[in-house]
C-alpha atoms as a PDB file:
ATOM      1  CA  MET A   1       2.132 -14.292 -14.485  1.00  0.00           C
ATOM      2  CA  ILE A   2       4.090 -11.470 -16.581  1.00  0.00           C
ATOM      3  CA  LEU A   3       1.858  -9.332 -18.022  1.00  0.00           C
ATOM      4  CA  SER A   4       4.424  -6.817 -19.666  1.00  0.00           C
ATOM      5  CA  ASP A   5       8.373  -6.904 -19.941  1.00  0.00           C
ATOM      6  CA  ASN A   6       8.461  -3.202 -20.866  1.00  0.00           C
ATOM      7  CA  PRO A   7       8.215  -2.024 -18.156  1.00  0.00           C
ATOM      8  CA  LYS A   8       8.199  -5.648 -16.389  1.00  0.00           C
ATOM      9  CA  ILE A   9       5.047  -6.163 -15.003  1.00  0.00           C
ATOM     10  CA  GLU A  10       4.210  -9.618 -12.989  1.00  0.00           C
ATOM     11  CA  ILE A  11       1.588 -10.239 -10.806  1.00  0.00           C
ATOM     12  CA  ILE A  12       1.124 -13.540  -8.443  1.00  0.00           C
ATOM     13  CA  LEU A  13      -1.816 -15.109  -7.024  1.00  0.00           C
ATOM     14  CA  GLY A  14      -1.322 -16.399  -3.570  1.00  0.00           C
ATOM     15  CA  ASP A  15      -0.507 -15.650  -0.055  1.00  0.00           C
ATOM     16  CA  CYS A  16       2.039 -12.606   0.224  1.00  0.00           C
ATOM     17  CA  LEU A  17       4.107 -14.153   3.189  1.00  0.00           C
ATOM     18  CA  VAL A  18       4.644 -17.303   1.043  1.00  0.00           C
ATOM     19  CA  LYS A  19       5.138 -15.410  -2.240  1.00  0.00           C
ATOM     20  CA  MET A  20       7.641 -12.986  -0.857  1.00  0.00           C
ATOM     21  CA  LYS A  21       9.876 -15.446   0.197  1.00  0.00           C
ATOM     22  CA  GLU A  22      10.656 -15.861  -3.535  1.00  0.00           C
ATOM     23  CA  ILE A  23      11.838 -12.214  -4.134  1.00  0.00           C
ATOM     24  CA  PRO A  24      15.494 -11.948  -3.870  1.00  0.00           C
ATOM     25  CA  ASP A  25      17.290  -9.984  -0.908  1.00  0.00           C
ATOM     26  CA  ASN A  26      17.863  -6.242  -1.552  1.00  0.00           C
ATOM     27  CA  SER A  27      16.048  -6.112  -5.126  1.00  0.00           C
ATOM     28  CA  VAL A  28      13.031  -3.959  -4.286  1.00  0.00           C
ATOM     29  CA  ASP A  29      13.156  -0.079  -4.659  1.00  0.00           C
ATOM     30  CA  LEU A  30       9.581   1.006  -3.050  1.00  0.00           C
ATOM     31  CA  VAL A  31       6.713  -1.017  -1.340  1.00  0.00           C
ATOM     32  CA  VAL A  32       3.512   0.883  -1.992  1.00  0.00           C
ATOM     33  CA  THR A  33       0.503  -1.134  -0.428  1.00  0.00           C
ATOM     34  CA  SER A  34      -2.515  -0.920   1.787  1.00  0.00           C
ATOM     35  CA  PRO A  35      -3.084  -3.993   3.864  1.00  0.00           C
ATOM     36  CA  PRO A  36      -6.467  -5.772   4.935  1.00  0.00           C
ATOM     37  CA  TYR A  37      -7.899  -3.532   7.563  1.00  0.00           C
ATOM     38  CA  GLU A  38      -7.384  -5.363  10.603  1.00  0.00           C
ATOM     39  CA  ASP A  39      -8.366  -8.656   8.773  1.00  0.00           C
ATOM     40  CA  ILE A  40      -6.542 -11.749   7.856  1.00  0.00           C
ATOM     41  CA  SER A  41      -7.804 -14.811   6.230  1.00  0.00           C
ATOM     42  CA  GLY A  42      -9.158 -17.448   8.293  1.00  0.00           C
ATOM     43  CA  ALA A  43      -9.065 -15.389  11.567  1.00  0.00           C
ATOM     44  CA  GLY A  44     -12.748 -15.835  11.816  1.00  0.00           C
ATOM     45  CA  TYR A  45     -13.639 -12.139  13.356  1.00  0.00           C
ATOM     46  CA  GLY A  46     -15.748  -9.560  12.169  1.00  0.00           C
ATOM     47  CA  ALA A  47     -15.948  -5.990  13.050  1.00  0.00           C
ATOM     48  CA  LYS A  48     -18.098  -6.674  16.138  1.00  0.00           C
ATOM     49  CA  SER A  49     -16.312  -9.488  17.279  1.00  0.00           C
ATOM     50  CA  LYS A  50     -12.564  -8.708  17.614  1.00  0.00           C
ATOM     51  CA  ASP A  51     -10.656  -9.276  20.747  1.00  0.00           C
ATOM     52  CA  ILE A  52      -7.365  -9.759  22.086  1.00  0.00           C
ATOM     53  CA  LEU A  53      -6.504 -12.980  20.373  1.00  0.00           C
ATOM     54  CA  PHE A  54      -7.417 -11.292  17.201  1.00  0.00           C
ATOM     55  CA  PHE A  55      -5.104  -8.499  17.487  1.00  0.00           C
ATOM     56  CA  LYS A  56      -2.481 -10.962  18.641  1.00  0.00           C
ATOM     57  CA  LEU A  57      -2.921 -12.734  15.218  1.00  0.00           C
ATOM     58  CA  TYR A  58      -2.922  -9.474  13.184  1.00  0.00           C
ATOM     59  CA  SER A  59       0.141  -8.139  14.897  1.00  0.00           C
ATOM     60  CA  GLU A  60       1.952 -11.377  14.380  1.00  0.00           C
ATOM     61  CA  PHE A  61       0.657 -11.429  10.454  1.00  0.00           C
ATOM     62  CA  LEU A  62       2.070  -7.843   9.945  1.00  0.00           C
ATOM     63  CA  ASP A  63       5.271  -8.570  12.056  1.00  0.00           C
ATOM     64  CA  LYS A  64       6.266 -11.173   9.447  1.00  0.00           C
ATOM     65  CA  VAL A  65       5.239  -8.563   6.531  1.00  0.00           C
ATOM     66  CA  PHE A  66       7.724  -6.297   7.779  1.00  0.00           C
ATOM     67  CA  ASN A  67      10.570  -8.692   7.988  1.00  0.00           C
ATOM     68  CA  GLU A  68      10.004  -9.485   4.498  1.00  0.00           C
ATOM     69  CA  TYR A  69       9.992  -5.790   3.496  1.00  0.00           C
ATOM     70  CA  PHE A  70      13.215  -5.424   5.394  1.00  0.00           C
ATOM     71  CA  ARG A  71      14.904  -8.475   3.683  1.00  0.00           C
ATOM     72  CA  ILE A  72      13.800  -7.671   0.246  1.00  0.00           C
ATOM     73  CA  LEU A  73      14.497  -3.717   0.103  1.00  0.00           C
ATOM     74  CA  LYS A  74      17.534  -2.240  -1.351  1.00  0.00           C
ATOM     75  CA  SER A  75      19.760  -0.318   1.348  1.00  0.00           C
ATOM     76  CA  ASN A  76      17.980   2.931   0.024  1.00  0.00           C
ATOM     77  CA  GLY A  77      14.507   1.267  -0.459  1.00  0.00           C
ATOM     78  CA  GLN A  78      11.318   2.715   0.944  1.00  0.00           C
ATOM     79  CA  VAL A  79       7.731   1.638   2.143  1.00  0.00           C
ATOM     80  CA  PHE A  80       4.522   3.567   1.828  1.00  0.00           C
ATOM     81  CA  PHE A  81       2.308   1.701   3.891  1.00  0.00           C
ATOM     82  CA  ASN A  82      -1.256   3.008   4.071  1.00  0.00           C
ATOM     83  CA  ILE A  83      -3.387   1.947   6.804  1.00  0.00           C
ATOM     84  CA  LYS A  84      -6.830   3.270   8.068  1.00  0.00           C
ATOM     85  CA  SER A  85      -7.948   4.002  11.926  1.00  0.00           C
ATOM     86  CA  LYS A  86     -10.947   1.878  12.868  1.00  0.00           C
ATOM     87  CA  THR A  87     -14.312   3.324  14.417  1.00  0.00           C
ATOM     88  CA  HIS A  88     -16.319   1.073  16.569  1.00  0.00           C
ATOM     89  CA  ASN A  89     -19.256   2.279  18.955  1.00  0.00           C
ATOM     90  CA  LYS A  90     -18.474   5.770  18.100  1.00  0.00           C
ATOM     91  CA  CYS A  91     -15.095   5.230  19.308  1.00  0.00           C
ATOM     92  CA  LEU A  92     -11.472   5.486  17.252  1.00  0.00           C
ATOM     93  CA  SER A  93      -8.837   2.883  17.321  1.00  0.00           C
ATOM     94  CA  THR A  94      -5.655   3.925  15.611  1.00  0.00           C
ATOM     95  CA  PRO A  95      -3.210   1.799  13.960  1.00  0.00           C
ATOM     96  CA  HIS A  96      -0.143   3.188  15.954  1.00  0.00           C
ATOM     97  CA  TRP A  97       0.237  -0.114  17.650  1.00  0.00           C
ATOM     98  CA  MET A  98       2.450  -1.072  15.001  1.00  0.00           C
ATOM     99  CA  GLU A  99       5.214   1.003  15.919  1.00  0.00           C
ATOM    100  CA  PHE A 100       6.070  -1.194  18.523  1.00  0.00           C
ATOM    101  CA  LEU A 101       6.447  -4.163  16.089  1.00  0.00           C
ATOM    102  CA  GLU A 102       9.904  -5.421  16.486  1.00  0.00           C
ATOM    103  CA  THR A 103      10.346  -5.722  12.545  1.00  0.00           C
ATOM    104  CA  PHE A 104       8.632  -2.428  11.922  1.00  0.00           C
ATOM    105  CA  ARG A 105      11.244  -0.651  14.197  1.00  0.00           C
ATOM    106  CA  LYS A 106      13.949  -2.384  11.999  1.00  0.00           C
ATOM    107  CA  LEU A 107      12.897   0.147   9.250  1.00  0.00           C
ATOM    108  CA  LYS A 108      13.142   3.911   9.991  1.00  0.00           C
ATOM    109  CA  LEU A 109       9.907   5.804  10.440  1.00  0.00           C
ATOM    110  CA  LYS A 110      10.468   8.788   8.109  1.00  0.00           C
ATOM    111  CA  SER A 111       7.084  10.519   8.122  1.00  0.00           C
ATOM    112  CA  TYR A 112       3.432  10.160   8.889  1.00  0.00           C
ATOM    113  CA  ILE A 113       1.713  11.344   5.721  1.00  0.00           C
ATOM    114  CA  ILE A 114      -1.745  12.474   6.290  1.00  0.00           C
ATOM    115  CA  TRP A 115      -4.079  11.552   3.353  1.00  0.00           C
ATOM    116  CA  LYS A 116      -7.095  14.075   3.706  1.00  0.00           C
ATOM    117  CA  TYR A 117     -10.113  13.316   1.859  1.00  0.00           C
ATOM    118  CA  ALA A 118     -11.842  16.067   0.064  1.00  0.00           C
ATOM    119  CA  GLY A 119     -15.008  15.699   2.312  1.00  0.00           C
ATOM    120  CA  SER A 120     -16.067  13.290   5.080  1.00  0.00           C
ATOM    121  CA  PHE A 121     -17.694   9.785   4.934  1.00  0.00           C
ATOM    122  CA  ASP A 122     -18.058   9.827   8.729  1.00  0.00           C
ATOM    123  CA  SER A 123     -21.721  10.497   9.878  1.00  0.00           C
ATOM    124  CA  THR A 124     -21.501  10.447  13.644  1.00  0.00           C
ATOM    125  CA  ASP A 125     -21.864  13.674  15.591  1.00  0.00           C
ATOM    126  CA  LYS A 126     -20.514  11.992  18.683  1.00  0.00           C
ATOM    127  CA  ARG A 127     -16.848  12.874  17.692  1.00  0.00           C
ATOM    128  CA  PHE A 128     -14.542  14.740  15.162  1.00  0.00           C
ATOM    129  CA  HIS A 129     -14.996  12.942  11.708  1.00  0.00           C
ATOM    130  CA  LEU A 130     -12.430  10.427  10.659  1.00  0.00           C
ATOM    131  CA  ASP A 131     -11.797  12.125   7.067  1.00  0.00           C
ATOM    132  CA  TYR A 132      -8.208  11.047   6.495  1.00  0.00           C
ATOM    133  CA  GLU A 133      -5.932   8.208   6.472  1.00  0.00           C
ATOM    134  CA  ILE A 134      -2.230   7.663   7.542  1.00  0.00           C
ATOM    135  CA  ILE A 135       0.351   6.514   5.330  1.00  0.00           C
ATOM    136  CA  TYR A 136       3.512   5.342   7.088  1.00  0.00           C
ATOM    137  CA  HIS A 137       6.786   6.341   5.237  1.00  0.00           C
ATOM    138  CA  LEU A 138       9.626   4.315   6.073  1.00  0.00           C
ATOM    139  CA  SER A 139      12.874   3.425   4.848  1.00  0.00           C
ATOM    140  CA  LYS A 140      15.585   0.924   5.203  1.00  0.00           C
ATOM    141  CA  GLY A 141      18.614   3.545   5.270  1.00  0.00           C
ATOM    142  CA  ASP A 142      18.831   7.211   5.297  1.00  0.00           C
ATOM    143  CA  ASP A 143      19.878   7.765   1.777  1.00  0.00           C
ATOM    144  CA  ILE A 144      16.859   7.663   0.141  1.00  0.00           C
ATOM    145  CA  TYR A 145      15.353   9.093  -3.462  1.00  0.00           C
ATOM    146  CA  LEU A 146      12.843  11.804  -2.964  1.00  0.00           C
ATOM    147  CA  ASN A 147      12.273  14.179  -6.035  1.00  0.00           C
ATOM    148  CA  ILE A 148      11.222  17.543  -5.251  1.00  0.00           C
ATOM    149  CA  ASP A 149      11.074  18.586  -8.826  1.00  0.00           C
ATOM    150  CA  CYS A 150       8.448  15.999  -9.839  1.00  0.00           C
ATOM    151  CA  GLY A 151       5.888  18.409 -10.887  1.00  0.00           C
ATOM    152  CA  ILE A 152       3.843  18.323  -7.717  1.00  0.00           C
ATOM    153  CA  LYS A 153       3.523  21.889  -5.820  1.00  0.00           C
ATOM    154  CA  ASP A 154       5.226  21.490  -2.100  1.00  0.00           C
ATOM    155  CA  ALA A 155       6.073  18.088  -3.112  1.00  0.00           C
ATOM    156  CA  LEU A 156       7.478  16.774   0.079  1.00  0.00           C
ATOM    157  CA  SER A 157       4.380  18.175   2.225  1.00  0.00           C
ATOM    158  CA  SER A 158       3.134  15.808   4.789  1.00  0.00           C
ATOM    159  CA  LEU A 159      -0.443  16.545   4.079  1.00  0.00           C
ATOM    160  CA  TRP A 160      -1.960  15.391   1.034  1.00  0.00           C
ATOM    161  CA  TYR A 161      -5.248  16.508  -0.274  1.00  0.00           C
ATOM    162  CA  ILE A 162      -6.520  13.984  -2.687  1.00  0.00           C
ATOM    163  CA  PRO A 163     -10.275  12.862  -3.706  1.00  0.00           C
ATOM    164  CA  HIS A 164     -11.285   9.468  -2.255  1.00  0.00           C
ATOM    165  CA  ASN A 165     -14.347   9.240  -4.708  1.00  0.00           C
ATOM    166  CA  ILE A 166     -13.551   6.680  -7.548  1.00  0.00           C
ATOM    167  CA  SER A 167     -16.266   6.533 -10.330  1.00  0.00           C
ATOM    168  CA  ASN A 168     -15.748   2.673 -11.001  1.00  0.00           C
ATOM    169  CA  ARG A 169     -15.194   1.295  -7.663  1.00  0.00           C
ATOM    170  CA  LEU A 170     -13.936  -2.375  -7.868  1.00  0.00           C
ATOM    171  CA  HIS A 171     -12.799  -3.100  -4.419  1.00  0.00           C
ATOM    172  CA  PRO A 172     -14.120  -1.763  -0.950  1.00  0.00           C
ATOM    173  CA  THR A 173     -10.763  -0.198  -0.027  1.00  0.00           C
ATOM    174  CA  GLN A 174      -9.573   0.669  -3.386  1.00  0.00           C
ATOM    175  CA  MET A 175      -6.883   3.693  -3.580  1.00  0.00           C
ATOM    176  CA  PRO A 176      -7.455   6.658  -5.888  1.00  0.00           C
ATOM    177  CA  GLU A 177      -4.942   6.476  -8.806  1.00  0.00           C
ATOM    178  CA  LEU A 178      -3.735   9.944  -7.925  1.00  0.00           C
ATOM    179  CA  LEU A 179      -2.741   8.790  -4.464  1.00  0.00           C
ATOM    180  CA  VAL A 180      -0.098   5.968  -6.116  1.00  0.00           C
ATOM    181  CA  GLU A 181       0.839   8.308  -8.605  1.00  0.00           C
ATOM    182  CA  ARG A 182       1.949  10.935  -6.120  1.00  0.00           C
ATOM    183  CA  ILE A 183       3.879   8.193  -4.335  1.00  0.00           C
ATOM    184  CA  LEU A 184       5.537   6.965  -7.527  1.00  0.00           C
ATOM    185  CA  LYS A 185       6.662  10.668  -8.837  1.00  0.00           C
ATOM    186  CA  THR A 186       7.845  11.507  -5.403  1.00  0.00           C
ATOM    187  CA  ALA A 187       9.754   8.412  -4.258  1.00  0.00           C
ATOM    188  CA  SER A 188      10.988   6.420  -7.292  1.00  0.00           C
ATOM    189  CA  LYS A 189      12.232   6.618 -10.853  1.00  0.00           C
ATOM    190  CA  GLU A 190      11.513   5.076 -14.219  1.00  0.00           C
ATOM    191  CA  LYS A 191      12.458   1.215 -14.139  1.00  0.00           C
ATOM    192  CA  ASP A 192      12.495   1.118 -10.264  1.00  0.00           C
ATOM    193  CA  LEU A 193      10.920  -2.103  -8.839  1.00  0.00           C
ATOM    194  CA  ILE A 194       7.626  -1.578  -6.811  1.00  0.00           C
ATOM    195  CA  LEU A 195       6.054  -3.854  -4.833  1.00  0.00           C
ATOM    196  CA  ASP A 196       2.205  -4.169  -3.574  1.00  0.00           C
ATOM    197  CA  ASN A 197       1.981  -7.202  -1.995  1.00  0.00           C
ATOM    198  CA  PHE A 198      -1.762  -6.622  -1.067  1.00  0.00           C
ATOM    199  CA  MET A 199      -2.464  -5.954  -4.360  1.00  0.00           C
ATOM    200  CA  GLY A 200      -6.188  -5.789  -4.396  1.00  0.00           C
ATOM    201  CA  SER A 201      -7.894  -4.466  -7.558  1.00  0.00           C
ATOM    202  CA  GLY A 202      -4.383  -3.446  -8.916  1.00  0.00           C
ATOM    203  CA  THR A 203      -4.097   0.448  -8.807  1.00  0.00           C
ATOM    204  CA  THR A 204      -0.488   0.139  -8.214  1.00  0.00           C
ATOM    205  CA  GLY A 205       0.296  -1.794 -11.160  1.00  0.00           C
ATOM    206  CA  VAL A 206      -1.693   0.352 -13.320  1.00  0.00           C
ATOM    207  CA  ALA A 207       0.168   3.387 -12.111  1.00  0.00           C
ATOM    208  CA  CYS A 208       3.450   1.651 -12.647  1.00  0.00           C
ATOM    209  CA  ALA A 209       2.545   0.602 -15.920  1.00  0.00           C
ATOM    210  CA  GLU A 210       1.505   4.153 -16.827  1.00  0.00           C
ATOM    211  CA  LEU A 211       4.791   5.848 -15.442  1.00  0.00           C
ATOM    212  CA  GLY A 212       7.182   3.127 -16.664  1.00  0.00           C
ATOM    213  CA  ARG A 213       8.050   1.376 -13.214  1.00  0.00           C
ATOM    214  CA  ASN A 214       8.836  -2.108 -12.976  1.00  0.00           C
ATOM    215  CA  PHE A 215       5.905  -3.771 -10.665  1.00  0.00           C
ATOM    216  CA  ILE A 216       5.634  -7.201  -8.819  1.00  0.00           C
ATOM    217  CA  GLY A 217       1.824  -7.519  -7.438  1.00  0.00           C
ATOM    218  CA  ILE A 218       0.772 -10.203  -5.037  1.00  0.00           C
ATOM    219  CA  GLU A 219      -2.974 -10.914  -4.445  1.00  0.00           C
ATOM    220  CA  ILE A 220      -4.577 -13.650  -2.136  1.00  0.00           C
ATOM    221  CA  SER A 221      -8.139 -13.407  -3.772  1.00  0.00           C
ATOM    222  CA  GLU A 222      -8.779 -15.030  -7.067  1.00  0.00           C
ATOM    223  CA  LYS A 223     -11.550 -12.639  -7.678  1.00  0.00           C
ATOM    224  CA  TYR A 224      -9.468  -9.088  -7.043  1.00  0.00           C
ATOM    225  CA  PHE A 225      -6.489 -11.004  -9.247  1.00  0.00           C
ATOM    226  CA  GLU A 226      -8.482 -11.361 -12.215  1.00  0.00           C
ATOM    227  CA  ILE A 227      -9.819  -7.755 -11.985  1.00  0.00           C
ATOM    228  CA  ALA A 228      -6.347  -6.668 -11.332  1.00  0.00           C
ATOM    229  CA  LYS A 229      -5.024  -8.684 -14.160  1.00  0.00           C
ATOM    230  CA  ASN A 230      -7.497  -7.091 -16.665  1.00  0.00           C
ATOM    231  CA  ARG A 231      -6.891  -3.344 -15.346  1.00  0.00           C
ATOM    232  CA  ILE A 232      -3.097  -3.727 -15.739  1.00  0.00           C
ATOM    233  CA  ASN A 233      -3.288  -5.749 -18.919  1.00  0.00           C
ATOM    234  CA  GLN A 234      -5.520  -2.772 -20.487  1.00  0.00           C
ATOM    235  CA  ALA A 235      -3.283   0.003 -18.941  1.00  0.00           C
ATOM    236  CA  THR A 236      -0.012  -1.820 -20.611  1.00  0.00           C
ATOM    237  CA  LYS A 237      -1.915  -2.292 -24.071  1.00  0.00           C
ATOM    238  CA  GLU A 238      -2.878   1.516 -24.130  1.00  0.00           C
ATOM    239  CA  LEU A 239       0.788   2.301 -23.813  1.00  0.00           C
ATOM    240  CA  PHE A 240       1.735   0.743 -26.985  1.00  0.00           C
ATOM    241  CA  VAL A 241      -1.377   1.597 -29.338  1.00  0.00           C
END
């Protein structure tokens, strides 16, 4: 479904592993996304029942995702991949195991960005609070675009203080628009093609519409696809009022 031609905004309902195969090789400038947090459709595991088989399924899933990223990215393409550590029984499980995936290692790990919340949502007193998330900054090559004159103070700092509070939360893991805007302003130019293959409620698409970036969004859930469609459509209409 194409919502706008200026900028070009296209959103797709379906499985990203299937739909990304339709994207041409070497065509995407930037991936901005946040995957399902250790969950894949049909795996059948809840937060309290994960085991070795689950992690095997999830790692195989992400291995295929990163393989598609490598194929569709331009030679100077970049990835900003936000994934949160998990907590269970007052213990921490980090996502650093991803770094050992073969297809992850095909890309170049440029930076760990620490997205620090303005406050903590962690109530335990049995460890230090988990009040940040990791954003993996990856690239296909070394000749990447980073704009230090984008109007953001200390634009290349790897510690980002951005509030997590969202007044109208439409998705349980919804990104603040300010987070996506910072990525777009520092790592993309107008008319660049941005992909979010875990589109959720469409925050990346909204930011792309407002900043004049072309966008492809893929979402497997019909519920969130409709929410994203309405949000992006509204943002696109407001540009031409």
